[in-house]
Amino acid sequence: MRAASALRCPLCATADPLPIVYGYPGPDHIRAALRGEIALGGEVHTAVRPAFECRRDHCGHTFDADVRSAAR
């Protein structure tokens, strides 16, 4: 998988997407999300779990490094 810094949002081309962290967030995850370092994905019980979220306001597109499996 490519590093997040090499990725761009497939919808708006914004660079440096946020990695999505799934599961119940602990204090460190909450602080990192508030600093804009990660996106919280929550407790997802499906097979589709995108790896990245666009950091641009009003986009919020979620996608994998392999954008052919992108989800919104």
N, C-alpha and C. Protein backbone atom coordinates (compact mmCIF):
# COMPACT_ATOMS: atom_id res chain seq x y z
N MET A 1 0.84 -1.18 0.00
CA MET A 1 0.00 0.00 0.00
C MET A 1 0.89 1.24 0.00
N ARG A 2 0.46 2.26 -0.74
CA ARG A 2 1.22 3.49 -0.80
C ARG A 2 1.05 4.29 0.48
N ALA A 3 2.02 5.14 0.77
CA ALA A 3 1.92 6.01 1.94
C ALA A 3 0.82 7.03 1.71
N ALA A 4 0.17 7.45 2.77
CA ALA A 4 -0.92 8.42 2.66
C ALA A 4 -0.44 9.71 2.00
N SER A 5 0.81 10.11 2.24
CA SER A 5 1.32 11.36 1.67
C SER A 5 1.43 11.31 0.16
N ALA A 6 1.49 10.12 -0.44
CA ALA A 6 1.58 9.98 -1.89
C ALA A 6 0.19 9.90 -2.53
N LEU A 7 -0.85 9.83 -1.72
CA LEU A 7 -2.21 9.67 -2.23
C LEU A 7 -2.90 11.01 -2.40
N ARG A 8 -3.89 11.02 -3.28
CA ARG A 8 -4.77 12.17 -3.47
C ARG A 8 -6.20 11.65 -3.51
N CYS A 9 -7.12 12.47 -3.04
CA CYS A 9 -8.53 12.11 -3.10
C CYS A 9 -8.92 11.93 -4.56
N PRO A 10 -9.58 10.82 -4.90
CA PRO A 10 -9.97 10.62 -6.29
C PRO A 10 -11.09 11.55 -6.77
N LEU A 11 -11.78 12.22 -5.84
CA LEU A 11 -12.85 13.15 -6.25
C LEU A 11 -12.37 14.58 -6.41
N CYS A 12 -11.58 15.08 -5.45
CA CYS A 12 -11.20 16.49 -5.47
C CYS A 12 -9.70 16.72 -5.60
N ALA A 13 -8.90 15.66 -5.58
CA ALA A 13 -7.44 15.70 -5.75
C ALA A 13 -6.70 16.34 -4.57
N THR A 14 -7.35 16.48 -3.43
CA THR A 14 -6.67 16.99 -2.24
C THR A 14 -5.63 15.97 -1.78
N ALA A 15 -4.43 16.45 -1.46
CA ALA A 15 -3.34 15.57 -1.06
C ALA A 15 -3.41 15.23 0.42
N ASP A 16 -2.69 14.20 0.79
CA ASP A 16 -2.49 13.81 2.19
C ASP A 16 -3.79 13.47 2.92
N PRO A 17 -4.48 12.41 2.48
CA PRO A 17 -5.72 12.02 3.16
C PRO A 17 -5.46 11.51 4.58
N LEU A 18 -6.49 11.52 5.39
CA LEU A 18 -6.38 11.03 6.77
C LEU A 18 -6.56 9.52 6.80
N PRO A 19 -5.69 8.80 7.51
CA PRO A 19 -5.94 7.37 7.70
C PRO A 19 -7.15 7.20 8.62
N ILE A 20 -7.99 6.22 8.32
CA ILE A 20 -9.17 5.96 9.13
C ILE A 20 -8.85 4.86 10.14
N VAL A 21 -9.14 5.13 11.41
CA VAL A 21 -8.93 4.17 12.48
C VAL A 21 -10.29 3.64 12.91
N TYR A 22 -10.46 2.33 12.86
CA TYR A 22 -11.73 1.70 13.21
C TYR A 22 -11.68 1.11 14.62
N GLY A 23 -12.86 0.93 15.20
CA GLY A 23 -12.97 0.37 16.54
C GLY A 23 -13.34 1.47 17.53
N TYR A 24 -13.52 1.07 18.77
CA TYR A 24 -13.87 2.03 19.82
C TYR A 24 -12.64 2.89 20.10
N PRO A 25 -12.73 4.22 19.96
CA PRO A 25 -11.55 5.07 20.12
C PRO A 25 -11.14 5.25 21.57
N GLY A 26 -9.87 5.14 21.82
CA GLY A 26 -9.32 5.43 23.13
C GLY A 26 -8.95 6.91 23.19
N PRO A 27 -8.46 7.36 24.34
CA PRO A 27 -8.10 8.77 24.50
C PRO A 27 -7.07 9.26 23.48
N ASP A 28 -6.08 8.42 23.16
CA ASP A 28 -5.06 8.82 22.19
C ASP A 28 -5.65 9.01 20.81
N HIS A 29 -6.58 8.13 20.43
CA HIS A 29 -7.23 8.27 19.13
C HIS A 29 -8.09 9.53 19.06
N ILE A 30 -8.78 9.83 20.14
CA ILE A 30 -9.62 11.03 20.16
C ILE A 30 -8.75 12.28 20.04
N ARG A 31 -7.65 12.33 20.75
CA ARG A 31 -6.75 13.49 20.65
C ARG A 31 -6.18 13.62 19.25
N ALA A 32 -5.77 12.50 18.64
CA ALA A 32 -5.22 12.53 17.28
C ALA A 32 -6.27 13.01 16.28
N ALA A 33 -7.51 12.59 16.46
CA ALA A 33 -8.59 13.03 15.57
C ALA A 33 -8.84 14.53 15.73
N LEU A 34 -8.81 15.02 16.95
CA LEU A 34 -9.01 16.45 17.19
C LEU A 34 -7.87 17.28 16.60
N ARG A 35 -6.67 16.71 16.54
CA ARG A 35 -5.52 17.40 15.92
C ARG A 35 -5.54 17.28 14.40
N GLY A 36 -6.46 16.52 13.85
CA GLY A 36 -6.54 16.35 12.41
C GLY A 36 -5.53 15.37 11.84
N GLU A 37 -5.08 14.42 12.65
CA GLU A 37 -4.09 13.44 12.22
C GLU A 37 -4.71 12.14 11.72
N ILE A 38 -5.91 11.81 12.19
CA ILE A 38 -6.62 10.60 11.78
C ILE A 38 -8.11 10.91 11.68
N ALA A 39 -8.83 10.01 11.03
CA ALA A 39 -10.29 10.06 11.01
C ALA A 39 -10.79 8.85 11.78
N LEU A 40 -11.82 9.03 12.58
CA LEU A 40 -12.38 7.92 13.34
C LEU A 40 -13.47 7.24 12.52
N GLY A 41 -13.34 5.94 12.34
CA GLY A 41 -14.29 5.19 11.54
C GLY A 41 -15.36 4.50 12.35
N GLY A 42 -15.22 4.50 13.67
CA GLY A 42 -16.22 3.86 14.51
C GLY A 42 -16.11 2.34 14.46
N GLU A 43 -17.11 1.70 15.01
CA GLU A 43 -17.16 0.24 15.02
C GLU A 43 -17.96 -0.21 13.81
N VAL A 44 -17.26 -0.60 12.78
CA VAL A 44 -17.88 -0.99 11.52
C VAL A 44 -17.98 -2.50 11.47
N HIS A 45 -19.18 -2.98 11.16
CA HIS A 45 -19.42 -4.42 11.10
C HIS A 45 -19.77 -4.86 9.69
N THR A 46 -19.06 -4.31 8.72
CA THR A 46 -19.25 -4.68 7.32
C THR A 46 -17.89 -4.99 6.70
N ALA A 47 -17.92 -5.58 5.54
CA ALA A 47 -16.67 -5.92 4.85
C ALA A 47 -16.03 -4.70 4.21
N VAL A 48 -16.80 -3.64 3.94
CA VAL A 48 -16.27 -2.43 3.31
C VAL A 48 -15.78 -1.49 4.39
N ARG A 49 -14.47 -1.35 4.46
CA ARG A 49 -13.85 -0.45 5.43
C ARG A 49 -12.76 0.34 4.72
N PRO A 50 -13.10 1.50 4.16
CA PRO A 50 -12.10 2.30 3.46
C PRO A 50 -10.94 2.66 4.38
N ALA A 51 -9.78 2.86 3.81
CA ALA A 51 -8.57 3.13 4.58
C ALA A 51 -8.29 4.61 4.80
N PHE A 52 -8.83 5.48 3.92
CA PHE A 52 -8.52 6.91 3.99
C PHE A 52 -9.77 7.76 3.84
N GLU A 53 -9.68 8.99 4.39
CA GLU A 53 -10.75 9.97 4.24
C GLU A 53 -10.12 11.27 3.79
N CYS A 54 -10.76 11.93 2.83
CA CYS A 54 -10.27 13.22 2.34
C CYS A 54 -10.32 14.23 3.48
N ARG A 55 -9.27 15.01 3.62
CA ARG A 55 -9.21 16.00 4.70
C ARG A 55 -9.87 17.33 4.33
N ARG A 56 -10.26 17.50 3.09
CA ARG A 56 -10.86 18.77 2.65
C ARG A 56 -12.29 18.88 3.17
N ASP A 57 -12.61 20.04 3.75
CA ASP A 57 -13.99 20.30 4.20
C ASP A 57 -14.92 20.18 3.01
N HIS A 58 -16.08 19.68 3.22
CA HIS A 58 -17.13 19.52 2.23
C HIS A 58 -16.86 18.42 1.21
N CYS A 59 -15.79 17.66 1.36
CA CYS A 59 -15.58 16.51 0.48
C CYS A 59 -15.85 15.26 1.31
N GLY A 60 -14.92 14.91 2.21
CA GLY A 60 -15.12 13.79 3.10
C GLY A 60 -15.18 12.43 2.43
N HIS A 61 -14.74 12.35 1.17
CA HIS A 61 -14.77 11.09 0.43
C HIS A 61 -13.89 10.06 1.14
N THR A 62 -14.36 8.83 1.26
CA THR A 62 -13.57 7.76 1.84
C THR A 62 -13.17 6.80 0.73
N PHE A 63 -11.93 6.31 0.81
CA PHE A 63 -11.40 5.48 -0.27
C PHE A 63 -10.23 4.64 0.22
N ASP A 64 -9.87 3.67 -0.58
CA ASP A 64 -8.69 2.84 -0.32
C ASP A 64 -7.54 3.34 -1.17
N ALA A 65 -6.34 2.85 -0.89
CA ALA A 65 -5.19 3.21 -1.71
C ALA A 65 -5.44 2.74 -3.14
N ASP A 66 -6.15 1.64 -3.29
CA ASP A 66 -6.58 1.16 -4.59
C ASP A 66 -7.96 1.77 -4.82
N VAL A 67 -8.02 2.91 -5.53
CA VAL A 67 -9.26 3.67 -5.64
C VAL A 67 -10.34 2.95 -6.43
N ARG A 68 -10.03 1.84 -7.06
CA ARG A 68 -11.08 1.09 -7.76
C ARG A 68 -12.10 0.54 -6.78
N SER A 69 -11.74 0.42 -5.49
CA SER A 69 -12.69 -0.08 -4.49
C SER A 69 -13.19 1.03 -3.60
N ALA A 70 -13.25 2.26 -4.13
CA ALA A 70 -13.65 3.43 -3.34
C ALA A 70 -15.11 3.34 -2.91
N ALA A 71 -15.41 3.98 -1.78
CA ALA A 71 -16.76 4.05 -1.25
C ALA A 71 -17.03 5.48 -0.81
N ARG A 72 -18.26 5.88 -0.81
CA ARG A 72 -18.58 7.22 -0.31
C ARG A 72 -19.58 7.11 0.80
